[in-house]
Amino acid sequence: MSISTHVLDIAAGRPAADVVVRLFSLRDAAADGVWEQIGSGRTDRDGRCRTLLGDSPLAALTYKIRFETGEYFHKRGLAGLYPYIEIVFTVAAPSQHYHIPLLLTANGYTTYRGA
């Protein structure tokens, strides 16, 4: 089906707009473990990025979403602890939607599987 994300700056109490987001898939994990970038985008004013897969079909693979959080905080005049955050997850059922939110502060983060 699809992969989406939503970034919320919980310290500021608002969506994190204009965060660069990249999606990778792990190809042939047993042989070489190489990550292949398959999509990218920026979060919109609501902190959402819905176009990560582009034209690629969702497959039963391991994926990684990379959020360029250092750039986001630098633009706001803040020193963030994490220059980027990577969330690795496994798609077991490609017929389902995978929503991977990121709740963010300059010195911490959390994530979960959303609806």
Protein backbone atom coordinates (compact mmCIF):
# COMPACT_ATOMS: atom_id res chain seq x y z
CA MET A 1 0.00 0.00 0.00
CA SER A 2 2.09 3.00 1.19
CA ILE A 3 4.48 4.65 3.66
CA SER A 4 3.94 8.09 5.17
CA THR A 5 5.41 10.14 7.99
CA HIS A 6 4.51 13.09 10.18
CA VAL A 7 7.11 15.14 12.09
CA LEU A 8 6.00 17.08 15.14
CA ASP A 9 8.29 19.47 17.00
CA ILE A 10 6.88 18.81 20.45
CA ALA A 11 9.13 21.38 22.17
CA ALA A 12 7.69 24.12 19.92
CA GLY A 13 4.20 22.61 19.98
CA ARG A 14 3.80 22.58 16.21
CA PRO A 15 4.43 20.51 13.09
CA ALA A 16 8.03 20.44 11.85
CA ALA A 17 7.80 21.91 8.35
CA ASP A 18 10.48 21.70 5.66
CA VAL A 19 12.37 18.71 7.10
CA VAL A 20 14.23 16.74 4.44
CA VAL A 21 13.12 13.10 4.53
CA ARG A 22 14.67 10.21 2.59
CA LEU A 23 13.39 6.65 2.24
CA PHE A 24 15.72 3.69 1.72
CA SER A 25 15.15 -0.03 1.29
CA LEU A 26 17.56 -2.74 2.34
CA ARG A 27 18.42 -4.81 -0.70
CA ASP A 28 19.78 -8.32 -0.35
CA ALA A 29 20.38 -8.03 3.39
CA ALA A 30 21.96 -11.49 3.59
CA ALA A 31 24.55 -10.75 0.89
CA ASP A 32 25.72 -7.16 1.31
CA GLY A 33 23.27 -5.14 3.39
CA VAL A 34 23.28 -2.17 1.02
CA TRP A 35 20.70 0.58 1.50
CA GLU A 36 19.18 1.93 -1.71
CA GLN A 37 17.46 5.31 -1.69
CA ILE A 38 14.03 4.95 -3.28
CA GLY A 39 12.36 8.23 -2.41
CA SER A 40 12.68 11.61 -0.77
CA GLY A 41 10.78 14.76 0.01
CA ARG A 42 10.24 17.54 2.51
CA THR A 43 7.60 17.82 5.15
CA ASP A 44 4.79 20.22 4.32
CA ARG A 45 3.38 22.97 6.58
CA ASP A 46 1.55 20.28 8.55
CA GLY A 47 4.80 18.30 9.06
CA ARG A 48 3.66 15.51 6.72
CA CYS A 49 5.42 13.75 3.88
CA ARG A 50 3.16 11.40 1.93
CA THR A 51 5.18 10.86 -1.24
CA LEU A 52 8.12 8.83 0.00
CA LEU A 53 7.58 5.76 -2.17
CA GLY A 54 7.14 7.72 -5.37
CA ASP A 55 6.41 5.19 -8.10
CA SER A 56 7.93 2.25 -6.20
CA PRO A 57 5.51 -0.42 -4.99
CA LEU A 58 5.52 -1.25 -1.30
CA ALA A 59 7.22 -4.61 -0.81
CA ALA A 60 7.92 -6.90 2.14
CA LEU A 61 11.36 -5.44 2.91
CA THR A 62 13.24 -3.59 5.61
CA TYR A 63 13.05 0.18 5.15
CA LYS A 64 14.79 3.18 6.68
CA ILE A 65 13.50 6.74 6.89
CA ARG A 66 16.22 9.36 7.40
CA PHE A 67 15.19 12.74 8.80
CA GLU A 68 17.69 15.62 8.39
CA THR A 69 17.04 17.08 11.84
CA GLY A 70 20.32 18.99 12.15
CA GLU A 71 19.38 21.17 9.20
CA TYR A 72 15.90 21.72 10.64
CA PHE A 73 17.21 22.93 14.02
CA HIS A 74 20.06 24.96 12.48
CA LYS A 75 17.49 26.97 10.48
CA ARG A 76 15.76 27.76 13.79
CA GLY A 77 18.95 28.88 15.53
CA LEU A 78 19.03 25.84 17.80
CA ALA A 79 21.76 23.30 18.42
CA GLY A 80 20.23 19.87 18.01
CA LEU A 81 21.88 16.80 19.49
CA TYR A 82 21.11 14.58 16.49
CA PRO A 83 22.34 15.69 13.02
CA TYR A 84 19.93 13.16 11.57
CA ILE A 85 17.57 10.48 12.80
CA GLU A 86 17.10 7.13 11.09
CA ILE A 87 14.14 4.90 11.80
CA VAL A 88 14.47 1.33 10.53
CA PHE A 89 11.34 -0.81 10.25
CA THR A 90 10.13 -3.96 8.54
CA VAL A 91 7.13 -4.16 6.23
CA ALA A 92 5.61 -7.59 6.75
CA ALA A 93 2.28 -6.94 5.02
CA PRO A 94 2.62 -4.74 1.90
CA SER A 95 -1.17 -4.57 1.64
CA GLN A 96 -1.22 -2.37 4.76
CA HIS A 97 -0.36 1.32 5.21
CA TYR A 98 2.74 2.12 7.28
CA HIS A 99 2.63 5.53 8.99
CA ILE A 100 5.86 6.30 10.87
CA PRO A 101 5.57 9.53 12.90
CA LEU A 102 8.53 11.29 14.53
CA LEU A 103 8.01 13.32 17.71
CA LEU A 104 11.01 15.60 17.95
CA THR A 105 12.88 17.95 20.28
CA ALA A 106 16.42 19.29 19.94
CA ASN A 107 17.67 16.70 22.44
CA GLY A 108 15.37 13.72 21.99
CA TYR A 109 12.83 11.92 19.87
CA THR A 110 10.34 9.09 19.85
CA THR A 111 8.42 7.21 17.19
CA TYR A 112 5.67 4.64 16.82
CA ARG A 113 3.55 3.05 14.12
CA GLY A 114 0.53 5.23 13.50
CA ALA A 115 -2.66 4.70 11.59
